[in-house]
Amino acid sequence: MADLKKLDEIIGQLDIESKKLKVFHEIYAEIEKLKADLESNINAFDVSSEKLDKSSIALDKEAKALKEKLSEIKDEIMQKVESIEEINKKFQREFDSDVTSKLNKHSSDIEVTIRAEAKETANSIENSLTKLFPEQLNEIKTTLFKVADDNDKLTKKIDLLSLGVLAIVAILVYQFFINI
């Protein structure tokens, strides 16, 4: 009978130890699950980080290309302005010379004609310039605004991604410490 009591006590202790082992096994399984989730999140973060790096590199390349194009456009505009100034100077010299000789011959008739031609020439040059400069400036502004918008969007995505990753890590750490 004493042996039976001892056997009952041993069975009771084995049952308690079995329950403890079962609880430990559940905790260990939860830790393994958290570890796998954490590794998955780290891998996802690495992939996102890599994509972000590639996007950043592409954006830098695009910005450099746009900067180069802007520089080229600026150079072209300056060349065109210089060319126009040169043409205007040449035109002015020729015009002055012609006007002087014609004025000497027919001063009153020429005076009326010169005024009409001067107004027409000024309007033509003004129209050409007002069409040329705003179109190119608008194109440059549009390109710069697009780059700025793309940069803002990318920055917002990075911020949201960072916040999401921090929230996930915080939840996992919180769950880990709750289960311990």
C-alpha atoms as a PDB file:
ATOM      1  CA  MET A   1       0.000   0.000   0.000  1.00  0.00           C
ATOM      2  CA  ALA A   2       2.860   2.331   0.730  1.00  0.00           C
ATOM      3  CA  ASP A   3       4.232   1.450  -2.647  1.00  0.00           C
ATOM      4  CA  LEU A   4       0.901   2.378  -4.194  1.00  0.00           C
ATOM      5  CA  LYS A   5       0.905   5.765  -2.457  1.00  0.00           C
ATOM      6  CA  LYS A   6       4.437   6.365  -3.588  1.00  0.00           C
ATOM      7  CA  LEU A   7       3.479   5.340  -7.095  1.00  0.00           C
ATOM      8  CA  ASP A   8       0.475   7.733  -6.969  1.00  0.00           C
ATOM      9  CA  GLU A   9       2.770  10.556  -5.770  1.00  0.00           C
ATOM     10  CA  ILE A  10       5.271   9.828  -8.538  1.00  0.00           C
ATOM     11  CA  ILE A  11       2.452   9.747 -11.112  1.00  0.00           C
ATOM     12  CA  GLY A  12       1.102  13.049  -9.700  1.00  0.00           C
ATOM     13  CA  GLN A  13       4.571  14.613  -9.912  1.00  0.00           C
ATOM     14  CA  LEU A  14       4.992  13.261 -13.443  1.00  0.00           C
ATOM     15  CA  ASP A  15       1.608  14.761 -14.343  1.00  0.00           C
ATOM     16  CA  ILE A  16       2.633  18.171 -12.912  1.00  0.00           C
ATOM     17  CA  GLU A  17       6.001  18.002 -14.696  1.00  0.00           C
ATOM     18  CA  SER A  18       4.201  16.973 -17.896  1.00  0.00           C
ATOM     19  CA  LYS A  19       1.906  20.020 -17.636  1.00  0.00           C
ATOM     20  CA  LYS A  20       4.888  22.291 -16.958  1.00  0.00           C
ATOM     21  CA  LEU A  21       6.688  20.767 -19.934  1.00  0.00           C
ATOM     22  CA  LYS A  22       3.588  21.266 -22.088  1.00  0.00           C
ATOM     23  CA  VAL A  23       3.363  24.961 -21.046  1.00  0.00           C
ATOM     24  CA  PHE A  24       7.100  25.387 -21.708  1.00  0.00           C
ATOM     25  CA  HIS A  25       6.686  23.741 -25.094  1.00  0.00           C
ATOM     26  CA  GLU A  26       3.830  26.164 -25.962  1.00  0.00           C
ATOM     27  CA  ILE A  27       5.956  29.141 -24.894  1.00  0.00           C
ATOM     28  CA  TYR A  28       8.874  27.823 -26.899  1.00  0.00           C
ATOM     29  CA  ALA A  29       6.632  27.351 -29.962  1.00  0.00           C
ATOM     30  CA  GLU A  30       5.353  30.927 -29.593  1.00  0.00           C
ATOM     31  CA  ILE A  31       8.938  32.210 -29.332  1.00  0.00           C
ATOM     32  CA  GLU A  32       9.853  30.295 -32.489  1.00  0.00           C
ATOM     33  CA  LYS A  33       6.821  31.775 -34.245  1.00  0.00           C
ATOM     34  CA  LEU A  34       7.801  35.285 -33.117  1.00  0.00           C
ATOM     35  CA  LYS A  35      11.352  34.630 -34.238  1.00  0.00           C
ATOM     36  CA  ALA A  36      10.121  33.531 -37.693  1.00  0.00           C
ATOM     37  CA  ASP A  37       7.809  36.561 -37.930  1.00  0.00           C
ATOM     38  CA  LEU A  38      10.641  38.854 -36.912  1.00  0.00           C
ATOM     39  CA  GLU A  39      12.963  37.318 -39.510  1.00  0.00           C
ATOM     40  CA  SER A  40      10.220  37.708 -42.130  1.00  0.00           C
ATOM     41  CA  ASN A  41       9.758  41.360 -41.187  1.00  0.00           C
ATOM     42  CA  ILE A  42      13.507  41.950 -41.286  1.00  0.00           C
ATOM     43  CA  ASN A  43      13.683  40.360 -44.734  1.00  0.00           C
ATOM     44  CA  ALA A  44      10.748  42.474 -45.924  1.00  0.00           C
ATOM     45  CA  PHE A  45      12.431  45.563 -44.495  1.00  0.00           C
ATOM     46  CA  ASP A  46      15.680  44.649 -46.270  1.00  0.00           C
ATOM     47  CA  VAL A  47      13.827  44.204 -49.564  1.00  0.00           C
ATOM     48  CA  SER A  48      12.022  47.517 -49.082  1.00  0.00           C
ATOM     49  CA  SER A  49      15.267  49.196 -48.138  1.00  0.00           C
ATOM     50  CA  GLU A  50      16.920  47.794 -51.253  1.00  0.00           C
ATOM     51  CA  LYS A  51      14.032  49.028 -53.412  1.00  0.00           C
ATOM     52  CA  LEU A  52      14.283  52.408 -51.737  1.00  0.00           C
ATOM     53  CA  ASP A  53      18.014  52.535 -52.437  1.00  0.00           C
ATOM     54  CA  LYS A  54      17.387  51.683 -56.094  1.00  0.00           C
ATOM     55  CA  SER A  55      14.660  54.319 -56.302  1.00  0.00           C
ATOM     56  CA  SER A  56      16.948  56.853 -54.674  1.00  0.00           C
ATOM     57  CA  ILE A  57      19.714  56.063 -57.139  1.00  0.00           C
ATOM     58  CA  ALA A  58      17.288  56.322 -60.049  1.00  0.00           C
ATOM     59  CA  LEU A  59      15.962  59.611 -58.698  1.00  0.00           C
ATOM     60  CA  ASP A  60      19.501  60.939 -58.338  1.00  0.00           C
ATOM     61  CA  LYS A  61      20.267  59.952 -61.919  1.00  0.00           C
ATOM     62  CA  GLU A  62      17.051  61.588 -63.116  1.00  0.00           C
ATOM     63  CA  ALA A  63      17.834  64.738 -61.129  1.00  0.00           C
ATOM     64  CA  LYS A  64      21.330  64.872 -62.643  1.00  0.00           C
ATOM     65  CA  ALA A  65      19.912  64.370 -66.120  1.00  0.00           C
ATOM     66  CA  LEU A  66      17.344  67.103 -65.533  1.00  0.00           C
ATOM     67  CA  LYS A  67      20.024  69.389 -64.161  1.00  0.00           C
ATOM     68  CA  GLU A  68      22.155  68.768 -67.233  1.00  0.00           C
ATOM     69  CA  LYS A  69      19.163  69.351 -69.504  1.00  0.00           C
ATOM     70  CA  LEU A  70      18.344  72.546 -67.629  1.00  0.00           C
ATOM     71  CA  SER A  71      21.940  73.690 -68.073  1.00  0.00           C
ATOM     72  CA  GLU A  72      21.781  72.866 -71.782  1.00  0.00           C
ATOM     73  CA  ILE A  73      18.493  74.753 -72.156  1.00  0.00           C
ATOM     74  CA  LYS A  74      19.949  77.709 -70.287  1.00  0.00           C
ATOM     75  CA  ASP A  75      23.001  77.690 -72.568  1.00  0.00           C
ATOM     76  CA  GLU A  76      20.768  77.469 -75.629  1.00  0.00           C
ATOM     77  CA  ILE A  77      18.643  80.367 -74.388  1.00  0.00           C
ATOM     78  CA  MET A  78      21.748  82.445 -73.753  1.00  0.00           C
ATOM     79  CA  GLN A  79      23.062  81.624 -77.219  1.00  0.00           C
ATOM     80  CA  LYS A  80      19.732  82.564 -78.770  1.00  0.00           C
ATOM     81  CA  VAL A  81      19.616  85.804 -76.792  1.00  0.00           C
ATOM     82  CA  GLU A  82      23.175  86.630 -77.863  1.00  0.00           C
ATOM     83  CA  SER A  83      22.298  85.752 -81.441  1.00  0.00           C
ATOM     84  CA  ILE A  84      19.199  87.939 -81.292  1.00  0.00           C
ATOM     85  CA  GLU A  85      21.236  90.777 -79.786  1.00  0.00           C
ATOM     86  CA  GLU A  86      23.841  90.387 -82.543  1.00  0.00           C
ATOM     87  CA  ILE A  87      21.143  90.326 -85.212  1.00  0.00           C
ATOM     88  CA  ASN A  88      19.472  93.340 -83.611  1.00  0.00           C
ATOM     89  CA  LYS A  89      22.753  95.256 -83.564  1.00  0.00           C
ATOM     90  CA  LYS A  90      23.470  94.360 -87.175  1.00  0.00           C
ATOM     91  CA  PHE A  91      19.924  95.224 -88.141  1.00  0.00           C
ATOM     92  CA  GLN A  92      20.159  98.508 -86.261  1.00  0.00           C
ATOM     93  CA  ARG A  93      23.413  99.465 -88.038  1.00  0.00           C
ATOM     94  CA  GLU A  94      21.955  98.599 -91.445  1.00  0.00           C
ATOM     95  CA  PHE A  95      18.727 100.305 -90.620  1.00  0.00           C
ATOM     96  CA  ASP A  96      20.488 103.467 -89.440  1.00  0.00           C
ATOM     97  CA  SER A  97      22.559 103.588 -92.566  1.00  0.00           C
ATOM     98  CA  ASP A  98      19.529 103.080 -94.830  1.00  0.00           C
ATOM     99  CA  VAL A  99      17.446 105.549 -92.905  1.00  0.00           C
ATOM    100  CA  THR A 100      20.111 108.204 -93.051  1.00  0.00           C
ATOM    101  CA  SER A 101      20.493 107.928 -96.794  1.00  0.00           C
ATOM    102  CA  LYS A 102      16.752 107.812 -97.440  1.00  0.00           C
ATOM    103  CA  LEU A 103      16.109 110.650 -95.034  1.00  0.00           C
ATOM    104  CA  ASN A 104      18.401 112.792 -96.996  1.00  0.00           C
ATOM    105  CA  LYS A 105      16.437 112.016-100.174  1.00  0.00           C
ATOM    106  CA  HIS A 106      12.841 111.827 -99.041  1.00  0.00           C
ATOM    107  CA  SER A 107      12.616 112.871 -95.469  1.00  0.00           C
ATOM    108  CA  SER A 108       8.847 113.270 -95.054  1.00  0.00           C
ATOM    109  CA  ASP A 109       7.784 110.160 -97.016  1.00  0.00           C
ATOM    110  CA  ILE A 110      10.433 108.088 -95.328  1.00  0.00           C
ATOM    111  CA  GLU A 111       9.456 109.343 -91.921  1.00  0.00           C
ATOM    112  CA  VAL A 112       5.956 107.899 -92.309  1.00  0.00           C
ATOM    113  CA  THR A 113       7.311 104.620 -93.726  1.00  0.00           C
ATOM    114  CA  ILE A 114       9.961 104.250 -91.011  1.00  0.00           C
ATOM    115  CA  ARG A 115       7.430 104.656 -88.248  1.00  0.00           C
ATOM    116  CA  ALA A 116       5.202 101.980 -89.725  1.00  0.00           C
ATOM    117  CA  GLU A 117       8.083  99.565 -90.296  1.00  0.00           C
ATOM    118  CA  ALA A 118       9.586 100.189 -86.868  1.00  0.00           C
ATOM    119  CA  LYS A 119       6.286  99.434 -85.187  1.00  0.00           C
ATOM    120  CA  GLU A 120       5.791  96.289 -87.261  1.00  0.00           C
ATOM    121  CA  THR A 121       9.369  95.103 -86.608  1.00  0.00           C
ATOM    122  CA  ALA A 122       9.073  95.791 -82.878  1.00  0.00           C
ATOM    123  CA  ASN A 123       5.771  93.875 -82.738  1.00  0.00           C
ATOM    124  CA  SER A 124       7.275  90.973 -84.674  1.00  0.00           C
ATOM    125  CA  ILE A 125      10.334  90.771 -82.407  1.00  0.00           C
ATOM    126  CA  GLU A 126       8.200  91.167 -79.312  1.00  0.00           C
ATOM    127  CA  ASN A 127       5.815  88.424 -80.474  1.00  0.00           C
ATOM    128  CA  SER A 128       8.733  86.121 -81.241  1.00  0.00           C
ATOM    129  CA  LEU A 129      10.295  86.720 -77.846  1.00  0.00           C
ATOM    130  CA  THR A 130       7.044  86.426 -75.920  1.00  0.00           C
ATOM    131  CA  LYS A 131       6.366  83.084 -77.603  1.00  0.00           C
ATOM    132  CA  LEU A 132       9.905  81.739 -77.245  1.00  0.00           C
ATOM    133  CA  PHE A 133      10.701  82.494 -73.610  1.00  0.00           C
ATOM    134  CA  PRO A 134       7.442  81.524 -71.828  1.00  0.00           C
ATOM    135  CA  GLU A 135       7.219  78.176 -73.625  1.00  0.00           C
ATOM    136  CA  GLN A 136      10.746  77.203 -72.617  1.00  0.00           C
ATOM    137  CA  LEU A 137      10.352  78.574 -69.096  1.00  0.00           C
ATOM    138  CA  ASN A 138       7.059  76.702 -68.648  1.00  0.00           C
ATOM    139  CA  GLU A 139       8.696  73.491 -69.834  1.00  0.00           C
ATOM    140  CA  ILE A 140      11.538  73.948 -67.338  1.00  0.00           C
ATOM    141  CA  LYS A 141       9.109  74.769 -64.512  1.00  0.00           C
ATOM    142  CA  THR A 142       6.941  71.745 -65.326  1.00  0.00           C
ATOM    143  CA  THR A 143       9.959  69.456 -65.260  1.00  0.00           C
ATOM    144  CA  LEU A 144      11.215  70.885 -61.960  1.00  0.00           C
ATOM    145  CA  PHE A 145       7.779  70.634 -60.339  1.00  0.00           C
ATOM    146  CA  LYS A 146       7.476  67.017 -61.474  1.00  0.00           C
ATOM    147  CA  VAL A 147      10.863  66.142 -59.941  1.00  0.00           C
ATOM    148  CA  ALA A 148       9.920  67.924 -56.707  1.00  0.00           C
ATOM    149  CA  ASP A 149       6.550  66.094 -56.559  1.00  0.00           C
ATOM    150  CA  ASP A 150       8.218  62.728 -57.210  1.00  0.00           C
ATOM    151  CA  ASN A 151      10.747  63.477 -54.475  1.00  0.00           C
ATOM    152  CA  ASP A 152       7.955  64.427 -52.019  1.00  0.00           C
ATOM    153  CA  LYS A 153       6.008  61.255 -52.824  1.00  0.00           C
ATOM    154  CA  LEU A 154       9.100  59.107 -52.331  1.00  0.00           C
ATOM    155  CA  THR A 155       9.855  60.811 -49.013  1.00  0.00           C
ATOM    156  CA  LYS A 156       6.273  60.190 -47.807  1.00  0.00           C
ATOM    157  CA  LYS A 157       6.478  56.526 -48.805  1.00  0.00           C
ATOM    158  CA  ILE A 158       9.756  56.148 -46.916  1.00  0.00           C
ATOM    159  CA  ASP A 159       8.265  57.771 -43.818  1.00  0.00           C
ATOM    160  CA  LEU A 160       5.180  55.514 -43.938  1.00  0.00           C
ATOM    161  CA  LEU A 161       7.280  52.414 -44.490  1.00  0.00           C
ATOM    162  CA  SER A 162       9.569  53.313 -41.577  1.00  0.00           C
ATOM    163  CA  LEU A 163       6.594  53.972 -39.314  1.00  0.00           C
ATOM    164  CA  GLY A 164       5.002  50.655 -40.332  1.00  0.00           C
ATOM    165  CA  VAL A 165       8.177  48.689 -39.651  1.00  0.00           C
ATOM    166  CA  LEU A 166       8.623  50.366 -36.254  1.00  0.00           C
ATOM    167  CA  ALA A 167       5.003  49.596 -35.358  1.00  0.00           C
ATOM    168  CA  ILE A 168       5.397  45.924 -36.333  1.00  0.00           C
ATOM    169  CA  VAL A 169       8.637  45.580 -34.365  1.00  0.00           C
ATOM    170  CA  ALA A 170       7.018  47.265 -31.346  1.00  0.00           C
ATOM    171  CA  ILE A 171       4.028  44.884 -31.513  1.00  0.00           C
ATOM    172  CA  LEU A 172       6.275  41.851 -31.784  1.00  0.00           C
ATOM    173  CA  VAL A 173       8.439  42.965 -28.852  1.00  0.00           C
ATOM    174  CA  TYR A 174       5.313  43.720 -26.829  1.00  0.00           C
ATOM    175  CA  GLN A 175       3.856  40.273 -27.614  1.00  0.00           C
ATOM    176  CA  PHE A 176       7.154  38.628 -26.762  1.00  0.00           C
ATOM    177  CA  PHE A 177       7.305  40.277 -23.330  1.00  0.00           C
ATOM    178  CA  ILE A 178       3.618  39.563 -22.629  1.00  0.00           C
ATOM    179  CA  ASN A 179       4.093  35.888 -23.376  1.00  0.00           C
ATOM    180  CA  ILE A 180       7.179  35.666 -21.153  1.00  0.00           C
END
